[in-house]
Amino acid sequence: MPNGRCRMHGGTNPGAPKGNRNAWKHGCASAEAVALRRETAALLKMMRKTARDVV
C-alpha cells in the first residue's frame, strides 16, 4: 500500500530480516534447496527426453 501499511492487517512489518536465523523453520525455501530442486528437475527432464529418444 502507498502508506506502507498492510490493508488487511494494518502492520508495516514485511517479516523477518534476511539472514535471521531465529526465523529459520525448515529450509524448504532456502536458496540451496530451491537450486537443488531446479537441478533435479532439469536432470529428470533430460532423462525423460533421452528415454524417449532411445525407444
PDB file of N, CA and C in Angstrom:
ATOM      1  N   MET A   1       0.843  -1.180   0.000  1.00  0.00           N
ATOM      2  CA  MET A   1       0.000   0.000   0.000  1.00  0.00           C
ATOM      3  C   MET A   1       0.894   1.250   0.000  1.00  0.00           C
ATOM      4  N   PRO A   2       0.397   2.325  -0.540  1.00  0.00           N
ATOM      5  CA  PRO A   2       1.204   3.549  -0.622  1.00  0.00           C
ATOM      6  C   PRO A   2       1.640   4.088   0.733  1.00  0.00           C
ATOM      7  N   ASN A   3       0.816   3.904   1.766  1.00  0.00           N
ATOM      8  CA  ASN A   3       1.177   4.439   3.073  1.00  0.00           C
ATOM      9  C   ASN A   3       2.090   3.500   3.857  1.00  0.00           C
ATOM     10  N   GLY A   4       2.445   2.348   3.279  1.00  0.00           N
ATOM     11  CA  GLY A   4       3.366   1.433   3.933  1.00  0.00           C
ATOM     12  C   GLY A   4       2.714   0.459   4.901  1.00  0.00           C
ATOM     13  N   ARG A   5       1.408   0.471   4.974  1.00  0.00           N
ATOM     14  CA  ARG A   5       0.703  -0.433   5.890  1.00  0.00           C
ATOM     15  C   ARG A   5      -0.049  -1.489   5.093  1.00  0.00           C
ATOM     16  N   CYS A   6      -0.153  -2.673   5.661  1.00  0.00           N
ATOM     17  CA  CYS A   6      -0.931  -3.742   5.039  1.00  0.00           C
ATOM     18  C   CYS A   6      -2.410  -3.381   5.120  1.00  0.00           C
ATOM     19  N   ARG A   7      -3.105  -3.455   4.004  1.00  0.00           N
ATOM     20  CA  ARG A   7      -4.514  -3.091   4.020  1.00  0.00           C
ATOM     21  C   ARG A   7      -5.365  -4.110   4.744  1.00  0.00           C
ATOM     22  N   MET A   8      -4.851  -5.337   4.874  1.00  0.00           N
ATOM     23  CA  MET A   8      -5.615  -6.378   5.547  1.00  0.00           C
ATOM     24  C   MET A   8      -5.335  -6.420   7.052  1.00  0.00           C
ATOM     25  N   HIS A   9      -4.084  -6.209   7.430  1.00  0.00           N
ATOM     26  CA  HIS A   9      -3.696  -6.415   8.820  1.00  0.00           C
ATOM     27  C   HIS A   9      -3.212  -5.150   9.516  1.00  0.00           C
ATOM     28  N   GLY A  10      -2.908  -4.108   8.753  1.00  0.00           N
ATOM     29  CA  GLY A  10      -2.522  -2.847   9.344  1.00  0.00           C
ATOM     30  C   GLY A  10      -1.065  -2.734   9.735  1.00  0.00           C
ATOM     31  N   GLY A  11      -0.303  -3.813   9.631  1.00  0.00           N
ATOM     32  CA  GLY A  11       1.086  -3.786  10.056  1.00  0.00           C
ATOM     33  C   GLY A  11       2.023  -3.250   9.002  1.00  0.00           C
ATOM     34  N   THR A  12       3.189  -2.807   9.425  1.00  0.00           N
ATOM     35  CA  THR A  12       4.196  -2.310   8.491  1.00  0.00           C
ATOM     36  C   THR A  12       5.330  -3.304   8.323  1.00  0.00           C
ATOM     37  N   ASN A  13       5.377  -4.316   9.148  1.00  0.00           N
ATOM     38  CA  ASN A  13       6.497  -5.246   9.152  1.00  0.00           C
ATOM     39  C   ASN A  13       6.375  -6.239   8.000  1.00  0.00           C
ATOM     40  N   PRO A  14       7.363  -6.331   7.100  1.00  0.00           N
ATOM     41  CA  PRO A  14       7.307  -7.273   5.994  1.00  0.00           C
ATOM     42  C   PRO A  14       7.802  -8.671   6.374  1.00  0.00           C
ATOM     43  N   GLY A  15       8.086  -8.924   7.627  1.00  0.00           N
ATOM     44  CA  GLY A  15       8.559 -10.238   8.051  1.00  0.00           C
ATOM     45  C   GLY A  15       9.939 -10.151   8.665  1.00  0.00           C
ATOM     46  N   ALA A  16      10.533 -11.297   8.857  1.00  0.00           N
ATOM     47  CA  ALA A  16      11.853 -11.361   9.471  1.00  0.00           C
ATOM     48  C   ALA A  16      12.906 -10.791   8.521  1.00  0.00           C
ATOM     49  N   PRO A  17      13.955 -10.165   9.051  1.00  0.00           N
ATOM     50  CA  PRO A  17      15.008  -9.655   8.188  1.00  0.00           C
ATOM     51  C   PRO A  17      15.757 -10.793   7.494  1.00  0.00           C
ATOM     52  N   LYS A  18      16.323 -10.501   6.343  1.00  0.00           N
ATOM     53  CA  LYS A  18      17.097 -11.514   5.618  1.00  0.00           C
ATOM     54  C   LYS A  18      18.262 -11.977   6.466  1.00  0.00           C
ATOM     55  N   GLY A  19      18.489 -13.268   6.475  1.00  0.00           N
ATOM     56  CA  GLY A  19      19.599 -13.825   7.228  1.00  0.00           C
ATOM     57  C   GLY A  19      19.301 -14.028   8.701  1.00  0.00           C
ATOM     58  N   ASN A  20      18.071 -13.833   9.119  1.00  0.00           N
ATOM     59  CA  ASN A  20      17.696 -14.000  10.522  1.00  0.00           C
ATOM     60  C   ASN A  20      17.557 -15.494  10.829  1.00  0.00           C
ATOM     61  N   ARG A  21      18.523 -16.060  11.526  1.00  0.00           N
ATOM     62  CA  ARG A  21      18.499 -17.494  11.828  1.00  0.00           C
ATOM     63  C   ARG A  21      17.430 -17.841  12.869  1.00  0.00           C
ATOM     64  N   ASN A  22      16.937 -16.841  13.611  1.00  0.00           N
ATOM     65  CA  ASN A  22      15.871 -17.110  14.576  1.00  0.00           C
ATOM     66  C   ASN A  22      14.540 -17.381  13.884  1.00  0.00           C
ATOM     67  N   ALA A  23      14.394 -16.937  12.646  1.00  0.00           N
ATOM     68  CA  ALA A  23      13.159 -17.135  11.904  1.00  0.00           C
ATOM     69  C   ALA A  23      13.227 -18.393  11.034  1.00  0.00           C
ATOM     70  N   TRP A  24      14.343 -19.101  11.063  1.00  0.00           N
ATOM     71  CA  TRP A  24      14.546 -20.297  10.245  1.00  0.00           C
ATOM     72  C   TRP A  24      13.643 -21.411  10.727  1.00  0.00           C
ATOM     73  N   LYS A  25      12.851 -21.997   9.852  1.00  0.00           N
ATOM     74  CA  LYS A  25      11.929 -23.054  10.252  1.00  0.00           C
ATOM     75  C   LYS A  25      12.429 -24.419   9.774  1.00  0.00           C
ATOM     76  N   HIS A  26      12.486 -24.601   8.452  1.00  0.00           N
ATOM     77  CA  HIS A  26      12.822 -25.922   7.934  1.00  0.00           C
ATOM     78  C   HIS A  26      13.748 -25.880   6.737  1.00  0.00           C
ATOM     79  N   GLY A  27      13.884 -24.768   6.085  1.00  0.00           N
ATOM     80  CA  GLY A  27      14.826 -24.641   4.988  1.00  0.00           C
ATOM     81  C   GLY A  27      14.299 -25.052   3.628  1.00  0.00           C
ATOM     82  N   CYS A  28      13.011 -25.347   3.502  1.00  0.00           N
ATOM     83  CA  CYS A  28      12.461 -25.764   2.211  1.00  0.00           C
ATOM     84  C   CYS A  28      12.531 -24.663   1.159  1.00  0.00           C
ATOM     85  N   ALA A  29      12.558 -23.424   1.593  1.00  0.00           N
ATOM     86  CA  ALA A  29      12.594 -22.313   0.651  1.00  0.00           C
ATOM     87  C   ALA A  29      13.965 -21.645   0.626  1.00  0.00           C
ATOM     88  N   SER A  30      14.980 -22.290   1.198  1.00  0.00           N
ATOM     89  CA  SER A  30      16.313 -21.706   1.187  1.00  0.00           C
ATOM     90  C   SER A  30      16.867 -21.724  -0.234  1.00  0.00           C
ATOM     91  N   ALA A  31      17.837 -20.891  -0.493  1.00  0.00           N
ATOM     92  CA  ALA A  31      18.413 -20.795  -1.831  1.00  0.00           C
ATOM     93  C   ALA A  31      19.012 -22.133  -2.261  1.00  0.00           C
ATOM     94  N   GLU A  32      19.657 -22.834  -1.321  1.00  0.00           N
ATOM     95  CA  GLU A  32      20.257 -24.125  -1.667  1.00  0.00           C
ATOM     96  C   GLU A  32      19.194 -25.154  -2.030  1.00  0.00           C
ATOM     97  N   ALA A  33      18.097 -25.195  -1.274  1.00  0.00           N
ATOM     98  CA  ALA A  33      17.041 -26.171  -1.531  1.00  0.00           C
ATOM     99  C   ALA A  33      16.361 -25.891  -2.865  1.00  0.00           C
ATOM    100  N   VAL A  34      16.115 -24.621  -3.160  1.00  0.00           N
ATOM    101  CA  VAL A  34      15.487 -24.256  -4.424  1.00  0.00           C
ATOM    102  C   VAL A  34      16.407 -24.623  -5.587  1.00  0.00           C
ATOM    103  N   ALA A  35      17.693 -24.336  -5.459  1.00  0.00           N
ATOM    104  CA  ALA A  35      18.648 -24.661  -6.521  1.00  0.00           C
ATOM    105  C   ALA A  35      18.730 -26.171  -6.736  1.00  0.00           C
ATOM    106  N   LEU A  36      18.710 -26.934  -5.647  1.00  0.00           N
ATOM    107  CA  LEU A  36      18.760 -28.392  -5.761  1.00  0.00           C
ATOM    108  C   LEU A  36      17.517 -28.928  -6.471  1.00  0.00           C
ATOM    109  N   ARG A  37      16.349 -28.384  -6.139  1.00  0.00           N
ATOM    110  CA  ARG A  37      15.119 -28.838  -6.805  1.00  0.00           C
ATOM    111  C   ARG A  37      15.136 -28.491  -8.284  1.00  0.00           C
ATOM    112  N   ARG A  38      15.644 -27.310  -8.627  1.00  0.00           N
ATOM    113  CA  ARG A  38      15.721 -26.929 -10.040  1.00  0.00           C
ATOM    114  C   ARG A  38      16.675 -27.839 -10.802  1.00  0.00           C
ATOM    115  N   GLU A  39      17.816 -28.129 -10.196  1.00  0.00           N
ATOM    116  CA  GLU A  39      18.798 -29.003 -10.845  1.00  0.00           C
ATOM    117  C   GLU A  39      18.231 -30.412 -11.032  1.00  0.00           C
ATOM    118  N   THR A  40      17.550 -30.905 -10.009  1.00  0.00           N
ATOM    119  CA  THR A  40      16.939 -32.236 -10.089  1.00  0.00           C
ATOM    120  C   THR A  40      15.878 -32.277 -11.180  1.00  0.00           C
ATOM    121  N   ALA A  41      15.044 -31.244 -11.259  1.00  0.00           N
ATOM    122  CA  ALA A  41      14.007 -31.194 -12.289  1.00  0.00           C
ATOM    123  C   ALA A  41      14.627 -31.166 -13.683  1.00  0.00           C
ATOM    124  N   ALA A  42      15.721 -30.424 -13.853  1.00  0.00           N
ATOM    125  CA  ALA A  42      16.378 -30.360 -15.158  1.00  0.00           C
ATOM    126  C   ALA A  42      16.957 -31.719 -15.532  1.00  0.00           C
ATOM    127  N   LEU A  43      17.556 -32.414 -14.556  1.00  0.00           N
ATOM    128  CA  LEU A  43      18.099 -33.750 -14.832  1.00  0.00           C
ATOM    129  C   LEU A  43      16.994 -34.732 -15.203  1.00  0.00           C
ATOM    130  N   LEU A  44      15.884 -34.684 -14.485  1.00  0.00           N
ATOM    131  CA  LEU A  44      14.764 -35.570 -14.794  1.00  0.00           C
ATOM    132  C   LEU A  44      14.209 -35.299 -16.191  1.00  0.00           C
ATOM    133  N   LYS A  45      14.116 -34.024 -16.543  1.00  0.00           N
ATOM    134  CA  LYS A  45      13.628 -33.655 -17.874  1.00  0.00           C
ATOM    135  C   LYS A  45      14.553 -34.204 -18.956  1.00  0.00           C
ATOM    136  N   MET A  46      15.872 -34.077 -18.738  1.00  0.00           N
ATOM    137  CA  MET A  46      16.841 -34.579 -19.697  1.00  0.00           C
ATOM    138  C   MET A  46      16.763 -36.111 -19.794  1.00  0.00           C
ATOM    139  N   MET A  47      16.572 -36.779 -18.655  1.00  0.00           N
ATOM    140  CA  MET A  47      16.478 -38.247 -18.654  1.00  0.00           C
ATOM    141  C   MET A  47      15.230 -38.709 -19.403  1.00  0.00           C
ATOM    142  N   ARG A  48      14.108 -38.018 -19.205  1.00  0.00           N
ATOM    143  CA  ARG A  48      12.878 -38.389 -19.921  1.00  0.00           C
ATOM    144  C   ARG A  48      13.058 -38.226 -21.423  1.00  0.00           C
ATOM    145  N   LYS A  49      13.706 -37.130 -21.836  1.00  0.00           N
ATOM    146  CA  LYS A  49      13.931 -36.893 -23.259  1.00  0.00           C
ATOM    147  C   LYS A  49      14.828 -37.978 -23.843  1.00  0.00           C
ATOM    148  N   THR A  50      15.876 -38.327 -23.105  1.00  0.00           N
ATOM    149  CA  THR A  50      16.789 -39.374 -23.571  1.00  0.00           C
ATOM    150  C   THR A  50      16.067 -40.704 -23.680  1.00  0.00           C
ATOM    151  N   ALA A  51      15.222 -41.022 -22.710  1.00  0.00           N
ATOM    152  CA  ALA A  51      14.467 -42.279 -22.747  1.00  0.00           C
ATOM    153  C   ALA A  51      13.525 -42.311 -23.946  1.00  0.00           C
ATOM    154  N   ARG A  52      12.901 -41.175 -24.281  1.00  0.00           N
ATOM    155  CA  ARG A  52      12.012 -41.127 -25.454  1.00  0.00           C
ATOM    156  C   ARG A  52      12.809 -41.325 -26.734  1.00  0.00           C
ATOM    157  N   ASP A  53      14.008 -40.769 -26.797  1.00  0.00           N
ATOM    158  CA  ASP A  53      14.833 -40.875 -27.998  1.00  0.00           C
ATOM    159  C   ASP A  53      15.351 -42.288 -28.204  1.00  0.00           C
ATOM    160  N   VAL A  54      15.591 -43.018 -27.111  1.00  0.00           N
ATOM    161  CA  VAL A  54      16.143 -44.361 -27.197  1.00  0.00           C
ATOM    162  C   VAL A  54      15.091 -45.347 -27.700  1.00  0.00           C
ATOM    163  N   VAL A  55      13.879 -45.163 -27.259  1.00  0.00           N
ATOM    164  CA  VAL A  55      12.802 -46.121 -27.602  1.00  0.00           C
ATOM    165  C   VAL A  55      12.332 -45.955 -28.996  1.00  0.00           C
TER     166      VAL A  55
END
